[in-house]
Protein backbone atom coordinates (compact mmCIF):
# COMPACT_ATOMS: atom_id res chain seq x y z
CA UNK A 1 -64.62 64.84 113.37
CA UNK A 2 -60.86 65.18 113.78
CA UNK A 3 -60.57 68.97 114.12
CA UNK A 4 -58.92 68.84 117.56
CA UNK A 5 -56.45 66.14 116.54
CA UNK A 6 -55.67 68.04 113.37
CA UNK A 7 -54.77 71.29 115.12
CA UNK A 8 -52.50 69.74 117.75
CA UNK A 9 -50.82 67.42 115.24
CA UNK A 10 -50.31 70.28 112.79
CA UNK A 11 -48.71 72.47 115.46
CA UNK A 12 -46.55 69.56 116.65
CA UNK A 13 -45.29 68.88 113.12
CA UNK A 14 -44.54 72.56 112.50
CA UNK A 15 -42.63 72.85 115.79
CA UNK A 16 -40.65 69.66 115.16
CA UNK A 17 -39.44 71.19 111.89
CA UNK A 18 -37.90 74.16 113.72
CA UNK A 19 -34.11 74.09 114.16
CA UNK A 20 -34.25 75.39 117.76
CA UNK A 21 -36.78 72.80 119.00
CA UNK A 22 -35.68 69.33 120.10
CA UNK A 23 -38.77 68.15 121.98
CA UNK A 24 -42.48 68.91 121.57
CA UNK A 25 -44.94 68.04 124.32
CA UNK A 26 -48.65 68.58 124.90
CA UNK A 27 -51.05 69.08 127.82
CA UNK A 28 -51.66 71.48 130.66
CA UNK A 29 -48.84 73.42 132.27
CA UNK A 30 -48.29 70.72 134.88
CA UNK A 31 -47.63 68.15 132.13
CA UNK A 32 -44.40 69.85 131.07
CA UNK A 33 -41.67 67.26 131.42
CA UNK A 34 -38.86 68.80 133.42
CA UNK A 35 -36.94 65.57 133.94
CA UNK A 36 -33.26 65.36 133.20
CA UNK A 37 -33.91 63.13 130.17
CA UNK A 38 -35.88 65.84 128.33
CA UNK A 39 -33.87 67.13 125.42
CA UNK A 40 -34.17 70.91 125.40
CA UNK A 41 -35.12 73.28 123.79
CA UNK A 42 -38.72 72.26 124.48
CA UNK A 43 -41.96 73.56 122.99
CA UNK A 44 -45.12 72.69 124.91
CA UNK A 45 -48.59 73.01 123.31
CA UNK A 46 -51.65 73.86 125.40
CA UNK A 47 -55.17 74.32 124.00
CA UNK A 48 -56.91 76.78 126.30
CA UNK A 49 -60.39 76.84 124.77
CA UNK A 50 -62.37 76.37 121.57
CA UNK A 51 -65.14 78.52 120.13
CA UNK A 52 -67.49 76.89 117.63
CA UNK A 53 -69.30 78.79 114.89
CA UNK A 54 -71.15 77.33 111.91
CA UNK A 55 -68.29 76.91 109.43
CA UNK A 56 -65.25 77.17 111.73
CA UNK A 57 -63.77 76.36 115.11
CA UNK A 58 -61.46 78.85 116.78
CA UNK A 59 -58.86 77.41 119.14
CA UNK A 60 -57.08 79.58 121.69
CA UNK A 61 -53.61 78.05 121.94
CA UNK A 62 -50.55 78.74 124.06
CA UNK A 63 -47.16 77.39 123.06
CA UNK A 64 -44.38 77.61 125.60
CA UNK A 65 -40.98 77.78 123.91
CA UNK A 66 -38.17 77.26 126.44
CA UNK A 67 -34.63 76.13 127.13
CA UNK A 68 -32.37 75.57 130.15
CA UNK A 69 -30.31 78.53 131.34
CA UNK A 70 -26.64 77.67 131.78
CA UNK A 71 -25.05 79.57 134.64
CA UNK A 72 -21.25 79.37 134.37
CA UNK A 73 -19.27 79.33 137.58
CA UNK A 74 -17.11 82.26 136.43
CA UNK A 75 -17.49 85.80 137.73
CA UNK A 76 -20.13 87.96 136.04
CA UNK A 77 -18.19 90.31 133.77
CA UNK A 78 -21.09 92.15 132.10
CA UNK A 79 -23.88 93.82 134.07
CA UNK A 80 -25.96 94.04 130.89
CA UNK A 81 -25.41 90.61 129.31
CA UNK A 82 -24.55 88.65 132.43
CA UNK A 83 -22.63 85.47 131.82
CA UNK A 84 -25.51 83.05 131.24
CA UNK A 85 -27.19 82.19 127.95
CA UNK A 86 -30.53 83.69 129.01
CA UNK A 87 -30.60 86.41 126.35
CA UNK A 88 -29.63 83.88 123.68
CA UNK A 89 -32.52 81.65 124.72
CA UNK A 90 -34.99 84.55 124.72
CA UNK A 91 -33.81 85.48 121.23
CA UNK A 92 -33.96 82.00 119.69
CA UNK A 93 -37.22 80.95 121.36
CA UNK A 94 -38.96 84.20 120.38
CA UNK A 95 -37.93 83.43 116.81
CA UNK A 96 -39.44 79.93 117.11
CA UNK A 97 -42.71 81.52 118.25
CA UNK A 98 -42.57 84.13 115.48
CA UNK A 99 -41.95 81.51 112.78
CA UNK A 100 -44.90 79.36 113.89
CA UNK A 101 -47.21 82.38 113.99
CA UNK A 102 -45.91 83.52 110.58
CA UNK A 103 -46.65 80.11 109.09
CA UNK A 104 -50.19 80.40 110.45
CA UNK A 105 -50.59 83.96 109.11
CA UNK A 106 -49.21 83.52 105.62
CA UNK A 107 -47.23 80.31 105.16
CA UNK A 108 -47.99 76.68 104.43
CA UNK A 109 -50.28 76.34 107.40
CA UNK A 110 -52.32 79.35 106.24
CA UNK A 111 -52.92 77.78 102.83
CA UNK A 112 -53.89 74.53 104.62
CA UNK A 113 -56.64 76.61 106.34
CA UNK A 114 -54.98 76.87 109.76
CA UNK A 115 -55.10 80.63 110.22
CA UNK A 116 -54.25 82.98 113.09
CA UNK A 117 -56.94 85.47 113.96
CA UNK A 118 -55.51 88.95 114.56
CA UNK A 119 -52.20 88.82 116.44
CA UNK A 120 -50.25 86.67 118.86
CA UNK A 121 -49.18 87.74 122.34
CA UNK A 122 -45.75 86.72 123.64
CA UNK A 123 -44.91 86.81 127.34
CA UNK A 124 -41.38 86.07 128.56
CA UNK A 125 -40.82 83.90 131.59
CA UNK A 126 -37.79 83.07 133.67
CA UNK A 127 -37.39 80.35 136.30
CA UNK A 128 -41.09 79.51 136.26
CA UNK A 129 -40.21 75.87 136.77
CA UNK A 130 -38.02 73.86 139.14
CA UNK A 131 -34.96 73.83 136.91
CA UNK A 132 -33.70 77.13 135.55
CA UNK A 133 -35.74 77.58 132.37
CA UNK A 134 -36.46 80.68 130.37
CA UNK A 135 -38.45 81.35 127.24
CA UNK A 136 -41.71 82.68 125.88
CA UNK A 137 -45.38 81.79 126.21
CA UNK A 138 -47.04 82.71 122.90
CA UNK A 139 -50.85 82.79 122.85
CA UNK A 140 -53.00 83.12 119.74
CA UNK A 141 -56.32 82.10 118.18
CA UNK A 142 -56.27 79.64 115.27
CA UNK A 143 -59.31 79.39 113.03
CA UNK A 144 -59.87 76.06 111.30
CA UNK A 145 -62.75 74.76 109.20
CA UNK A 146 -65.18 72.61 111.16
CA UNK A 147 -65.20 69.12 109.68
CA UNK A 148 -68.36 67.98 111.47
CA UNK A 149 -71.44 67.34 109.38
CA UNK A 150 -74.95 68.08 110.63
CA UNK A 151 -76.30 64.69 109.55
């Protein structure tokens, strides 16, 4: 009867192993810690819903992978790149999302029976929060064996 704990702990452990993640948090979108003491980049896990079938439980999960945008005080010299690190953040955080999904599709997590159903959807965001953050919200379904007995 630890299916829920198992999925969030497994995702947390996998995210903590990523080189471009310093902090992992959990909860609804309003639980994201935006305080100055948070060490970014941050990945935030949200479980949106669960669907129970006889042998499995399917969790719909969103992971928000984000970092703080640094806006230098110098003049913008490139209309395409700008002079912030926004594109760098989008690149690295999309790779964090892709690596987690890959692990669920065919890596260690897959062989541990944490498996993504179909595909993952990634949606970029910019300045969604009070400090200047950018990143990706990746949403996917994870199928896990149900560990509940019918006794």
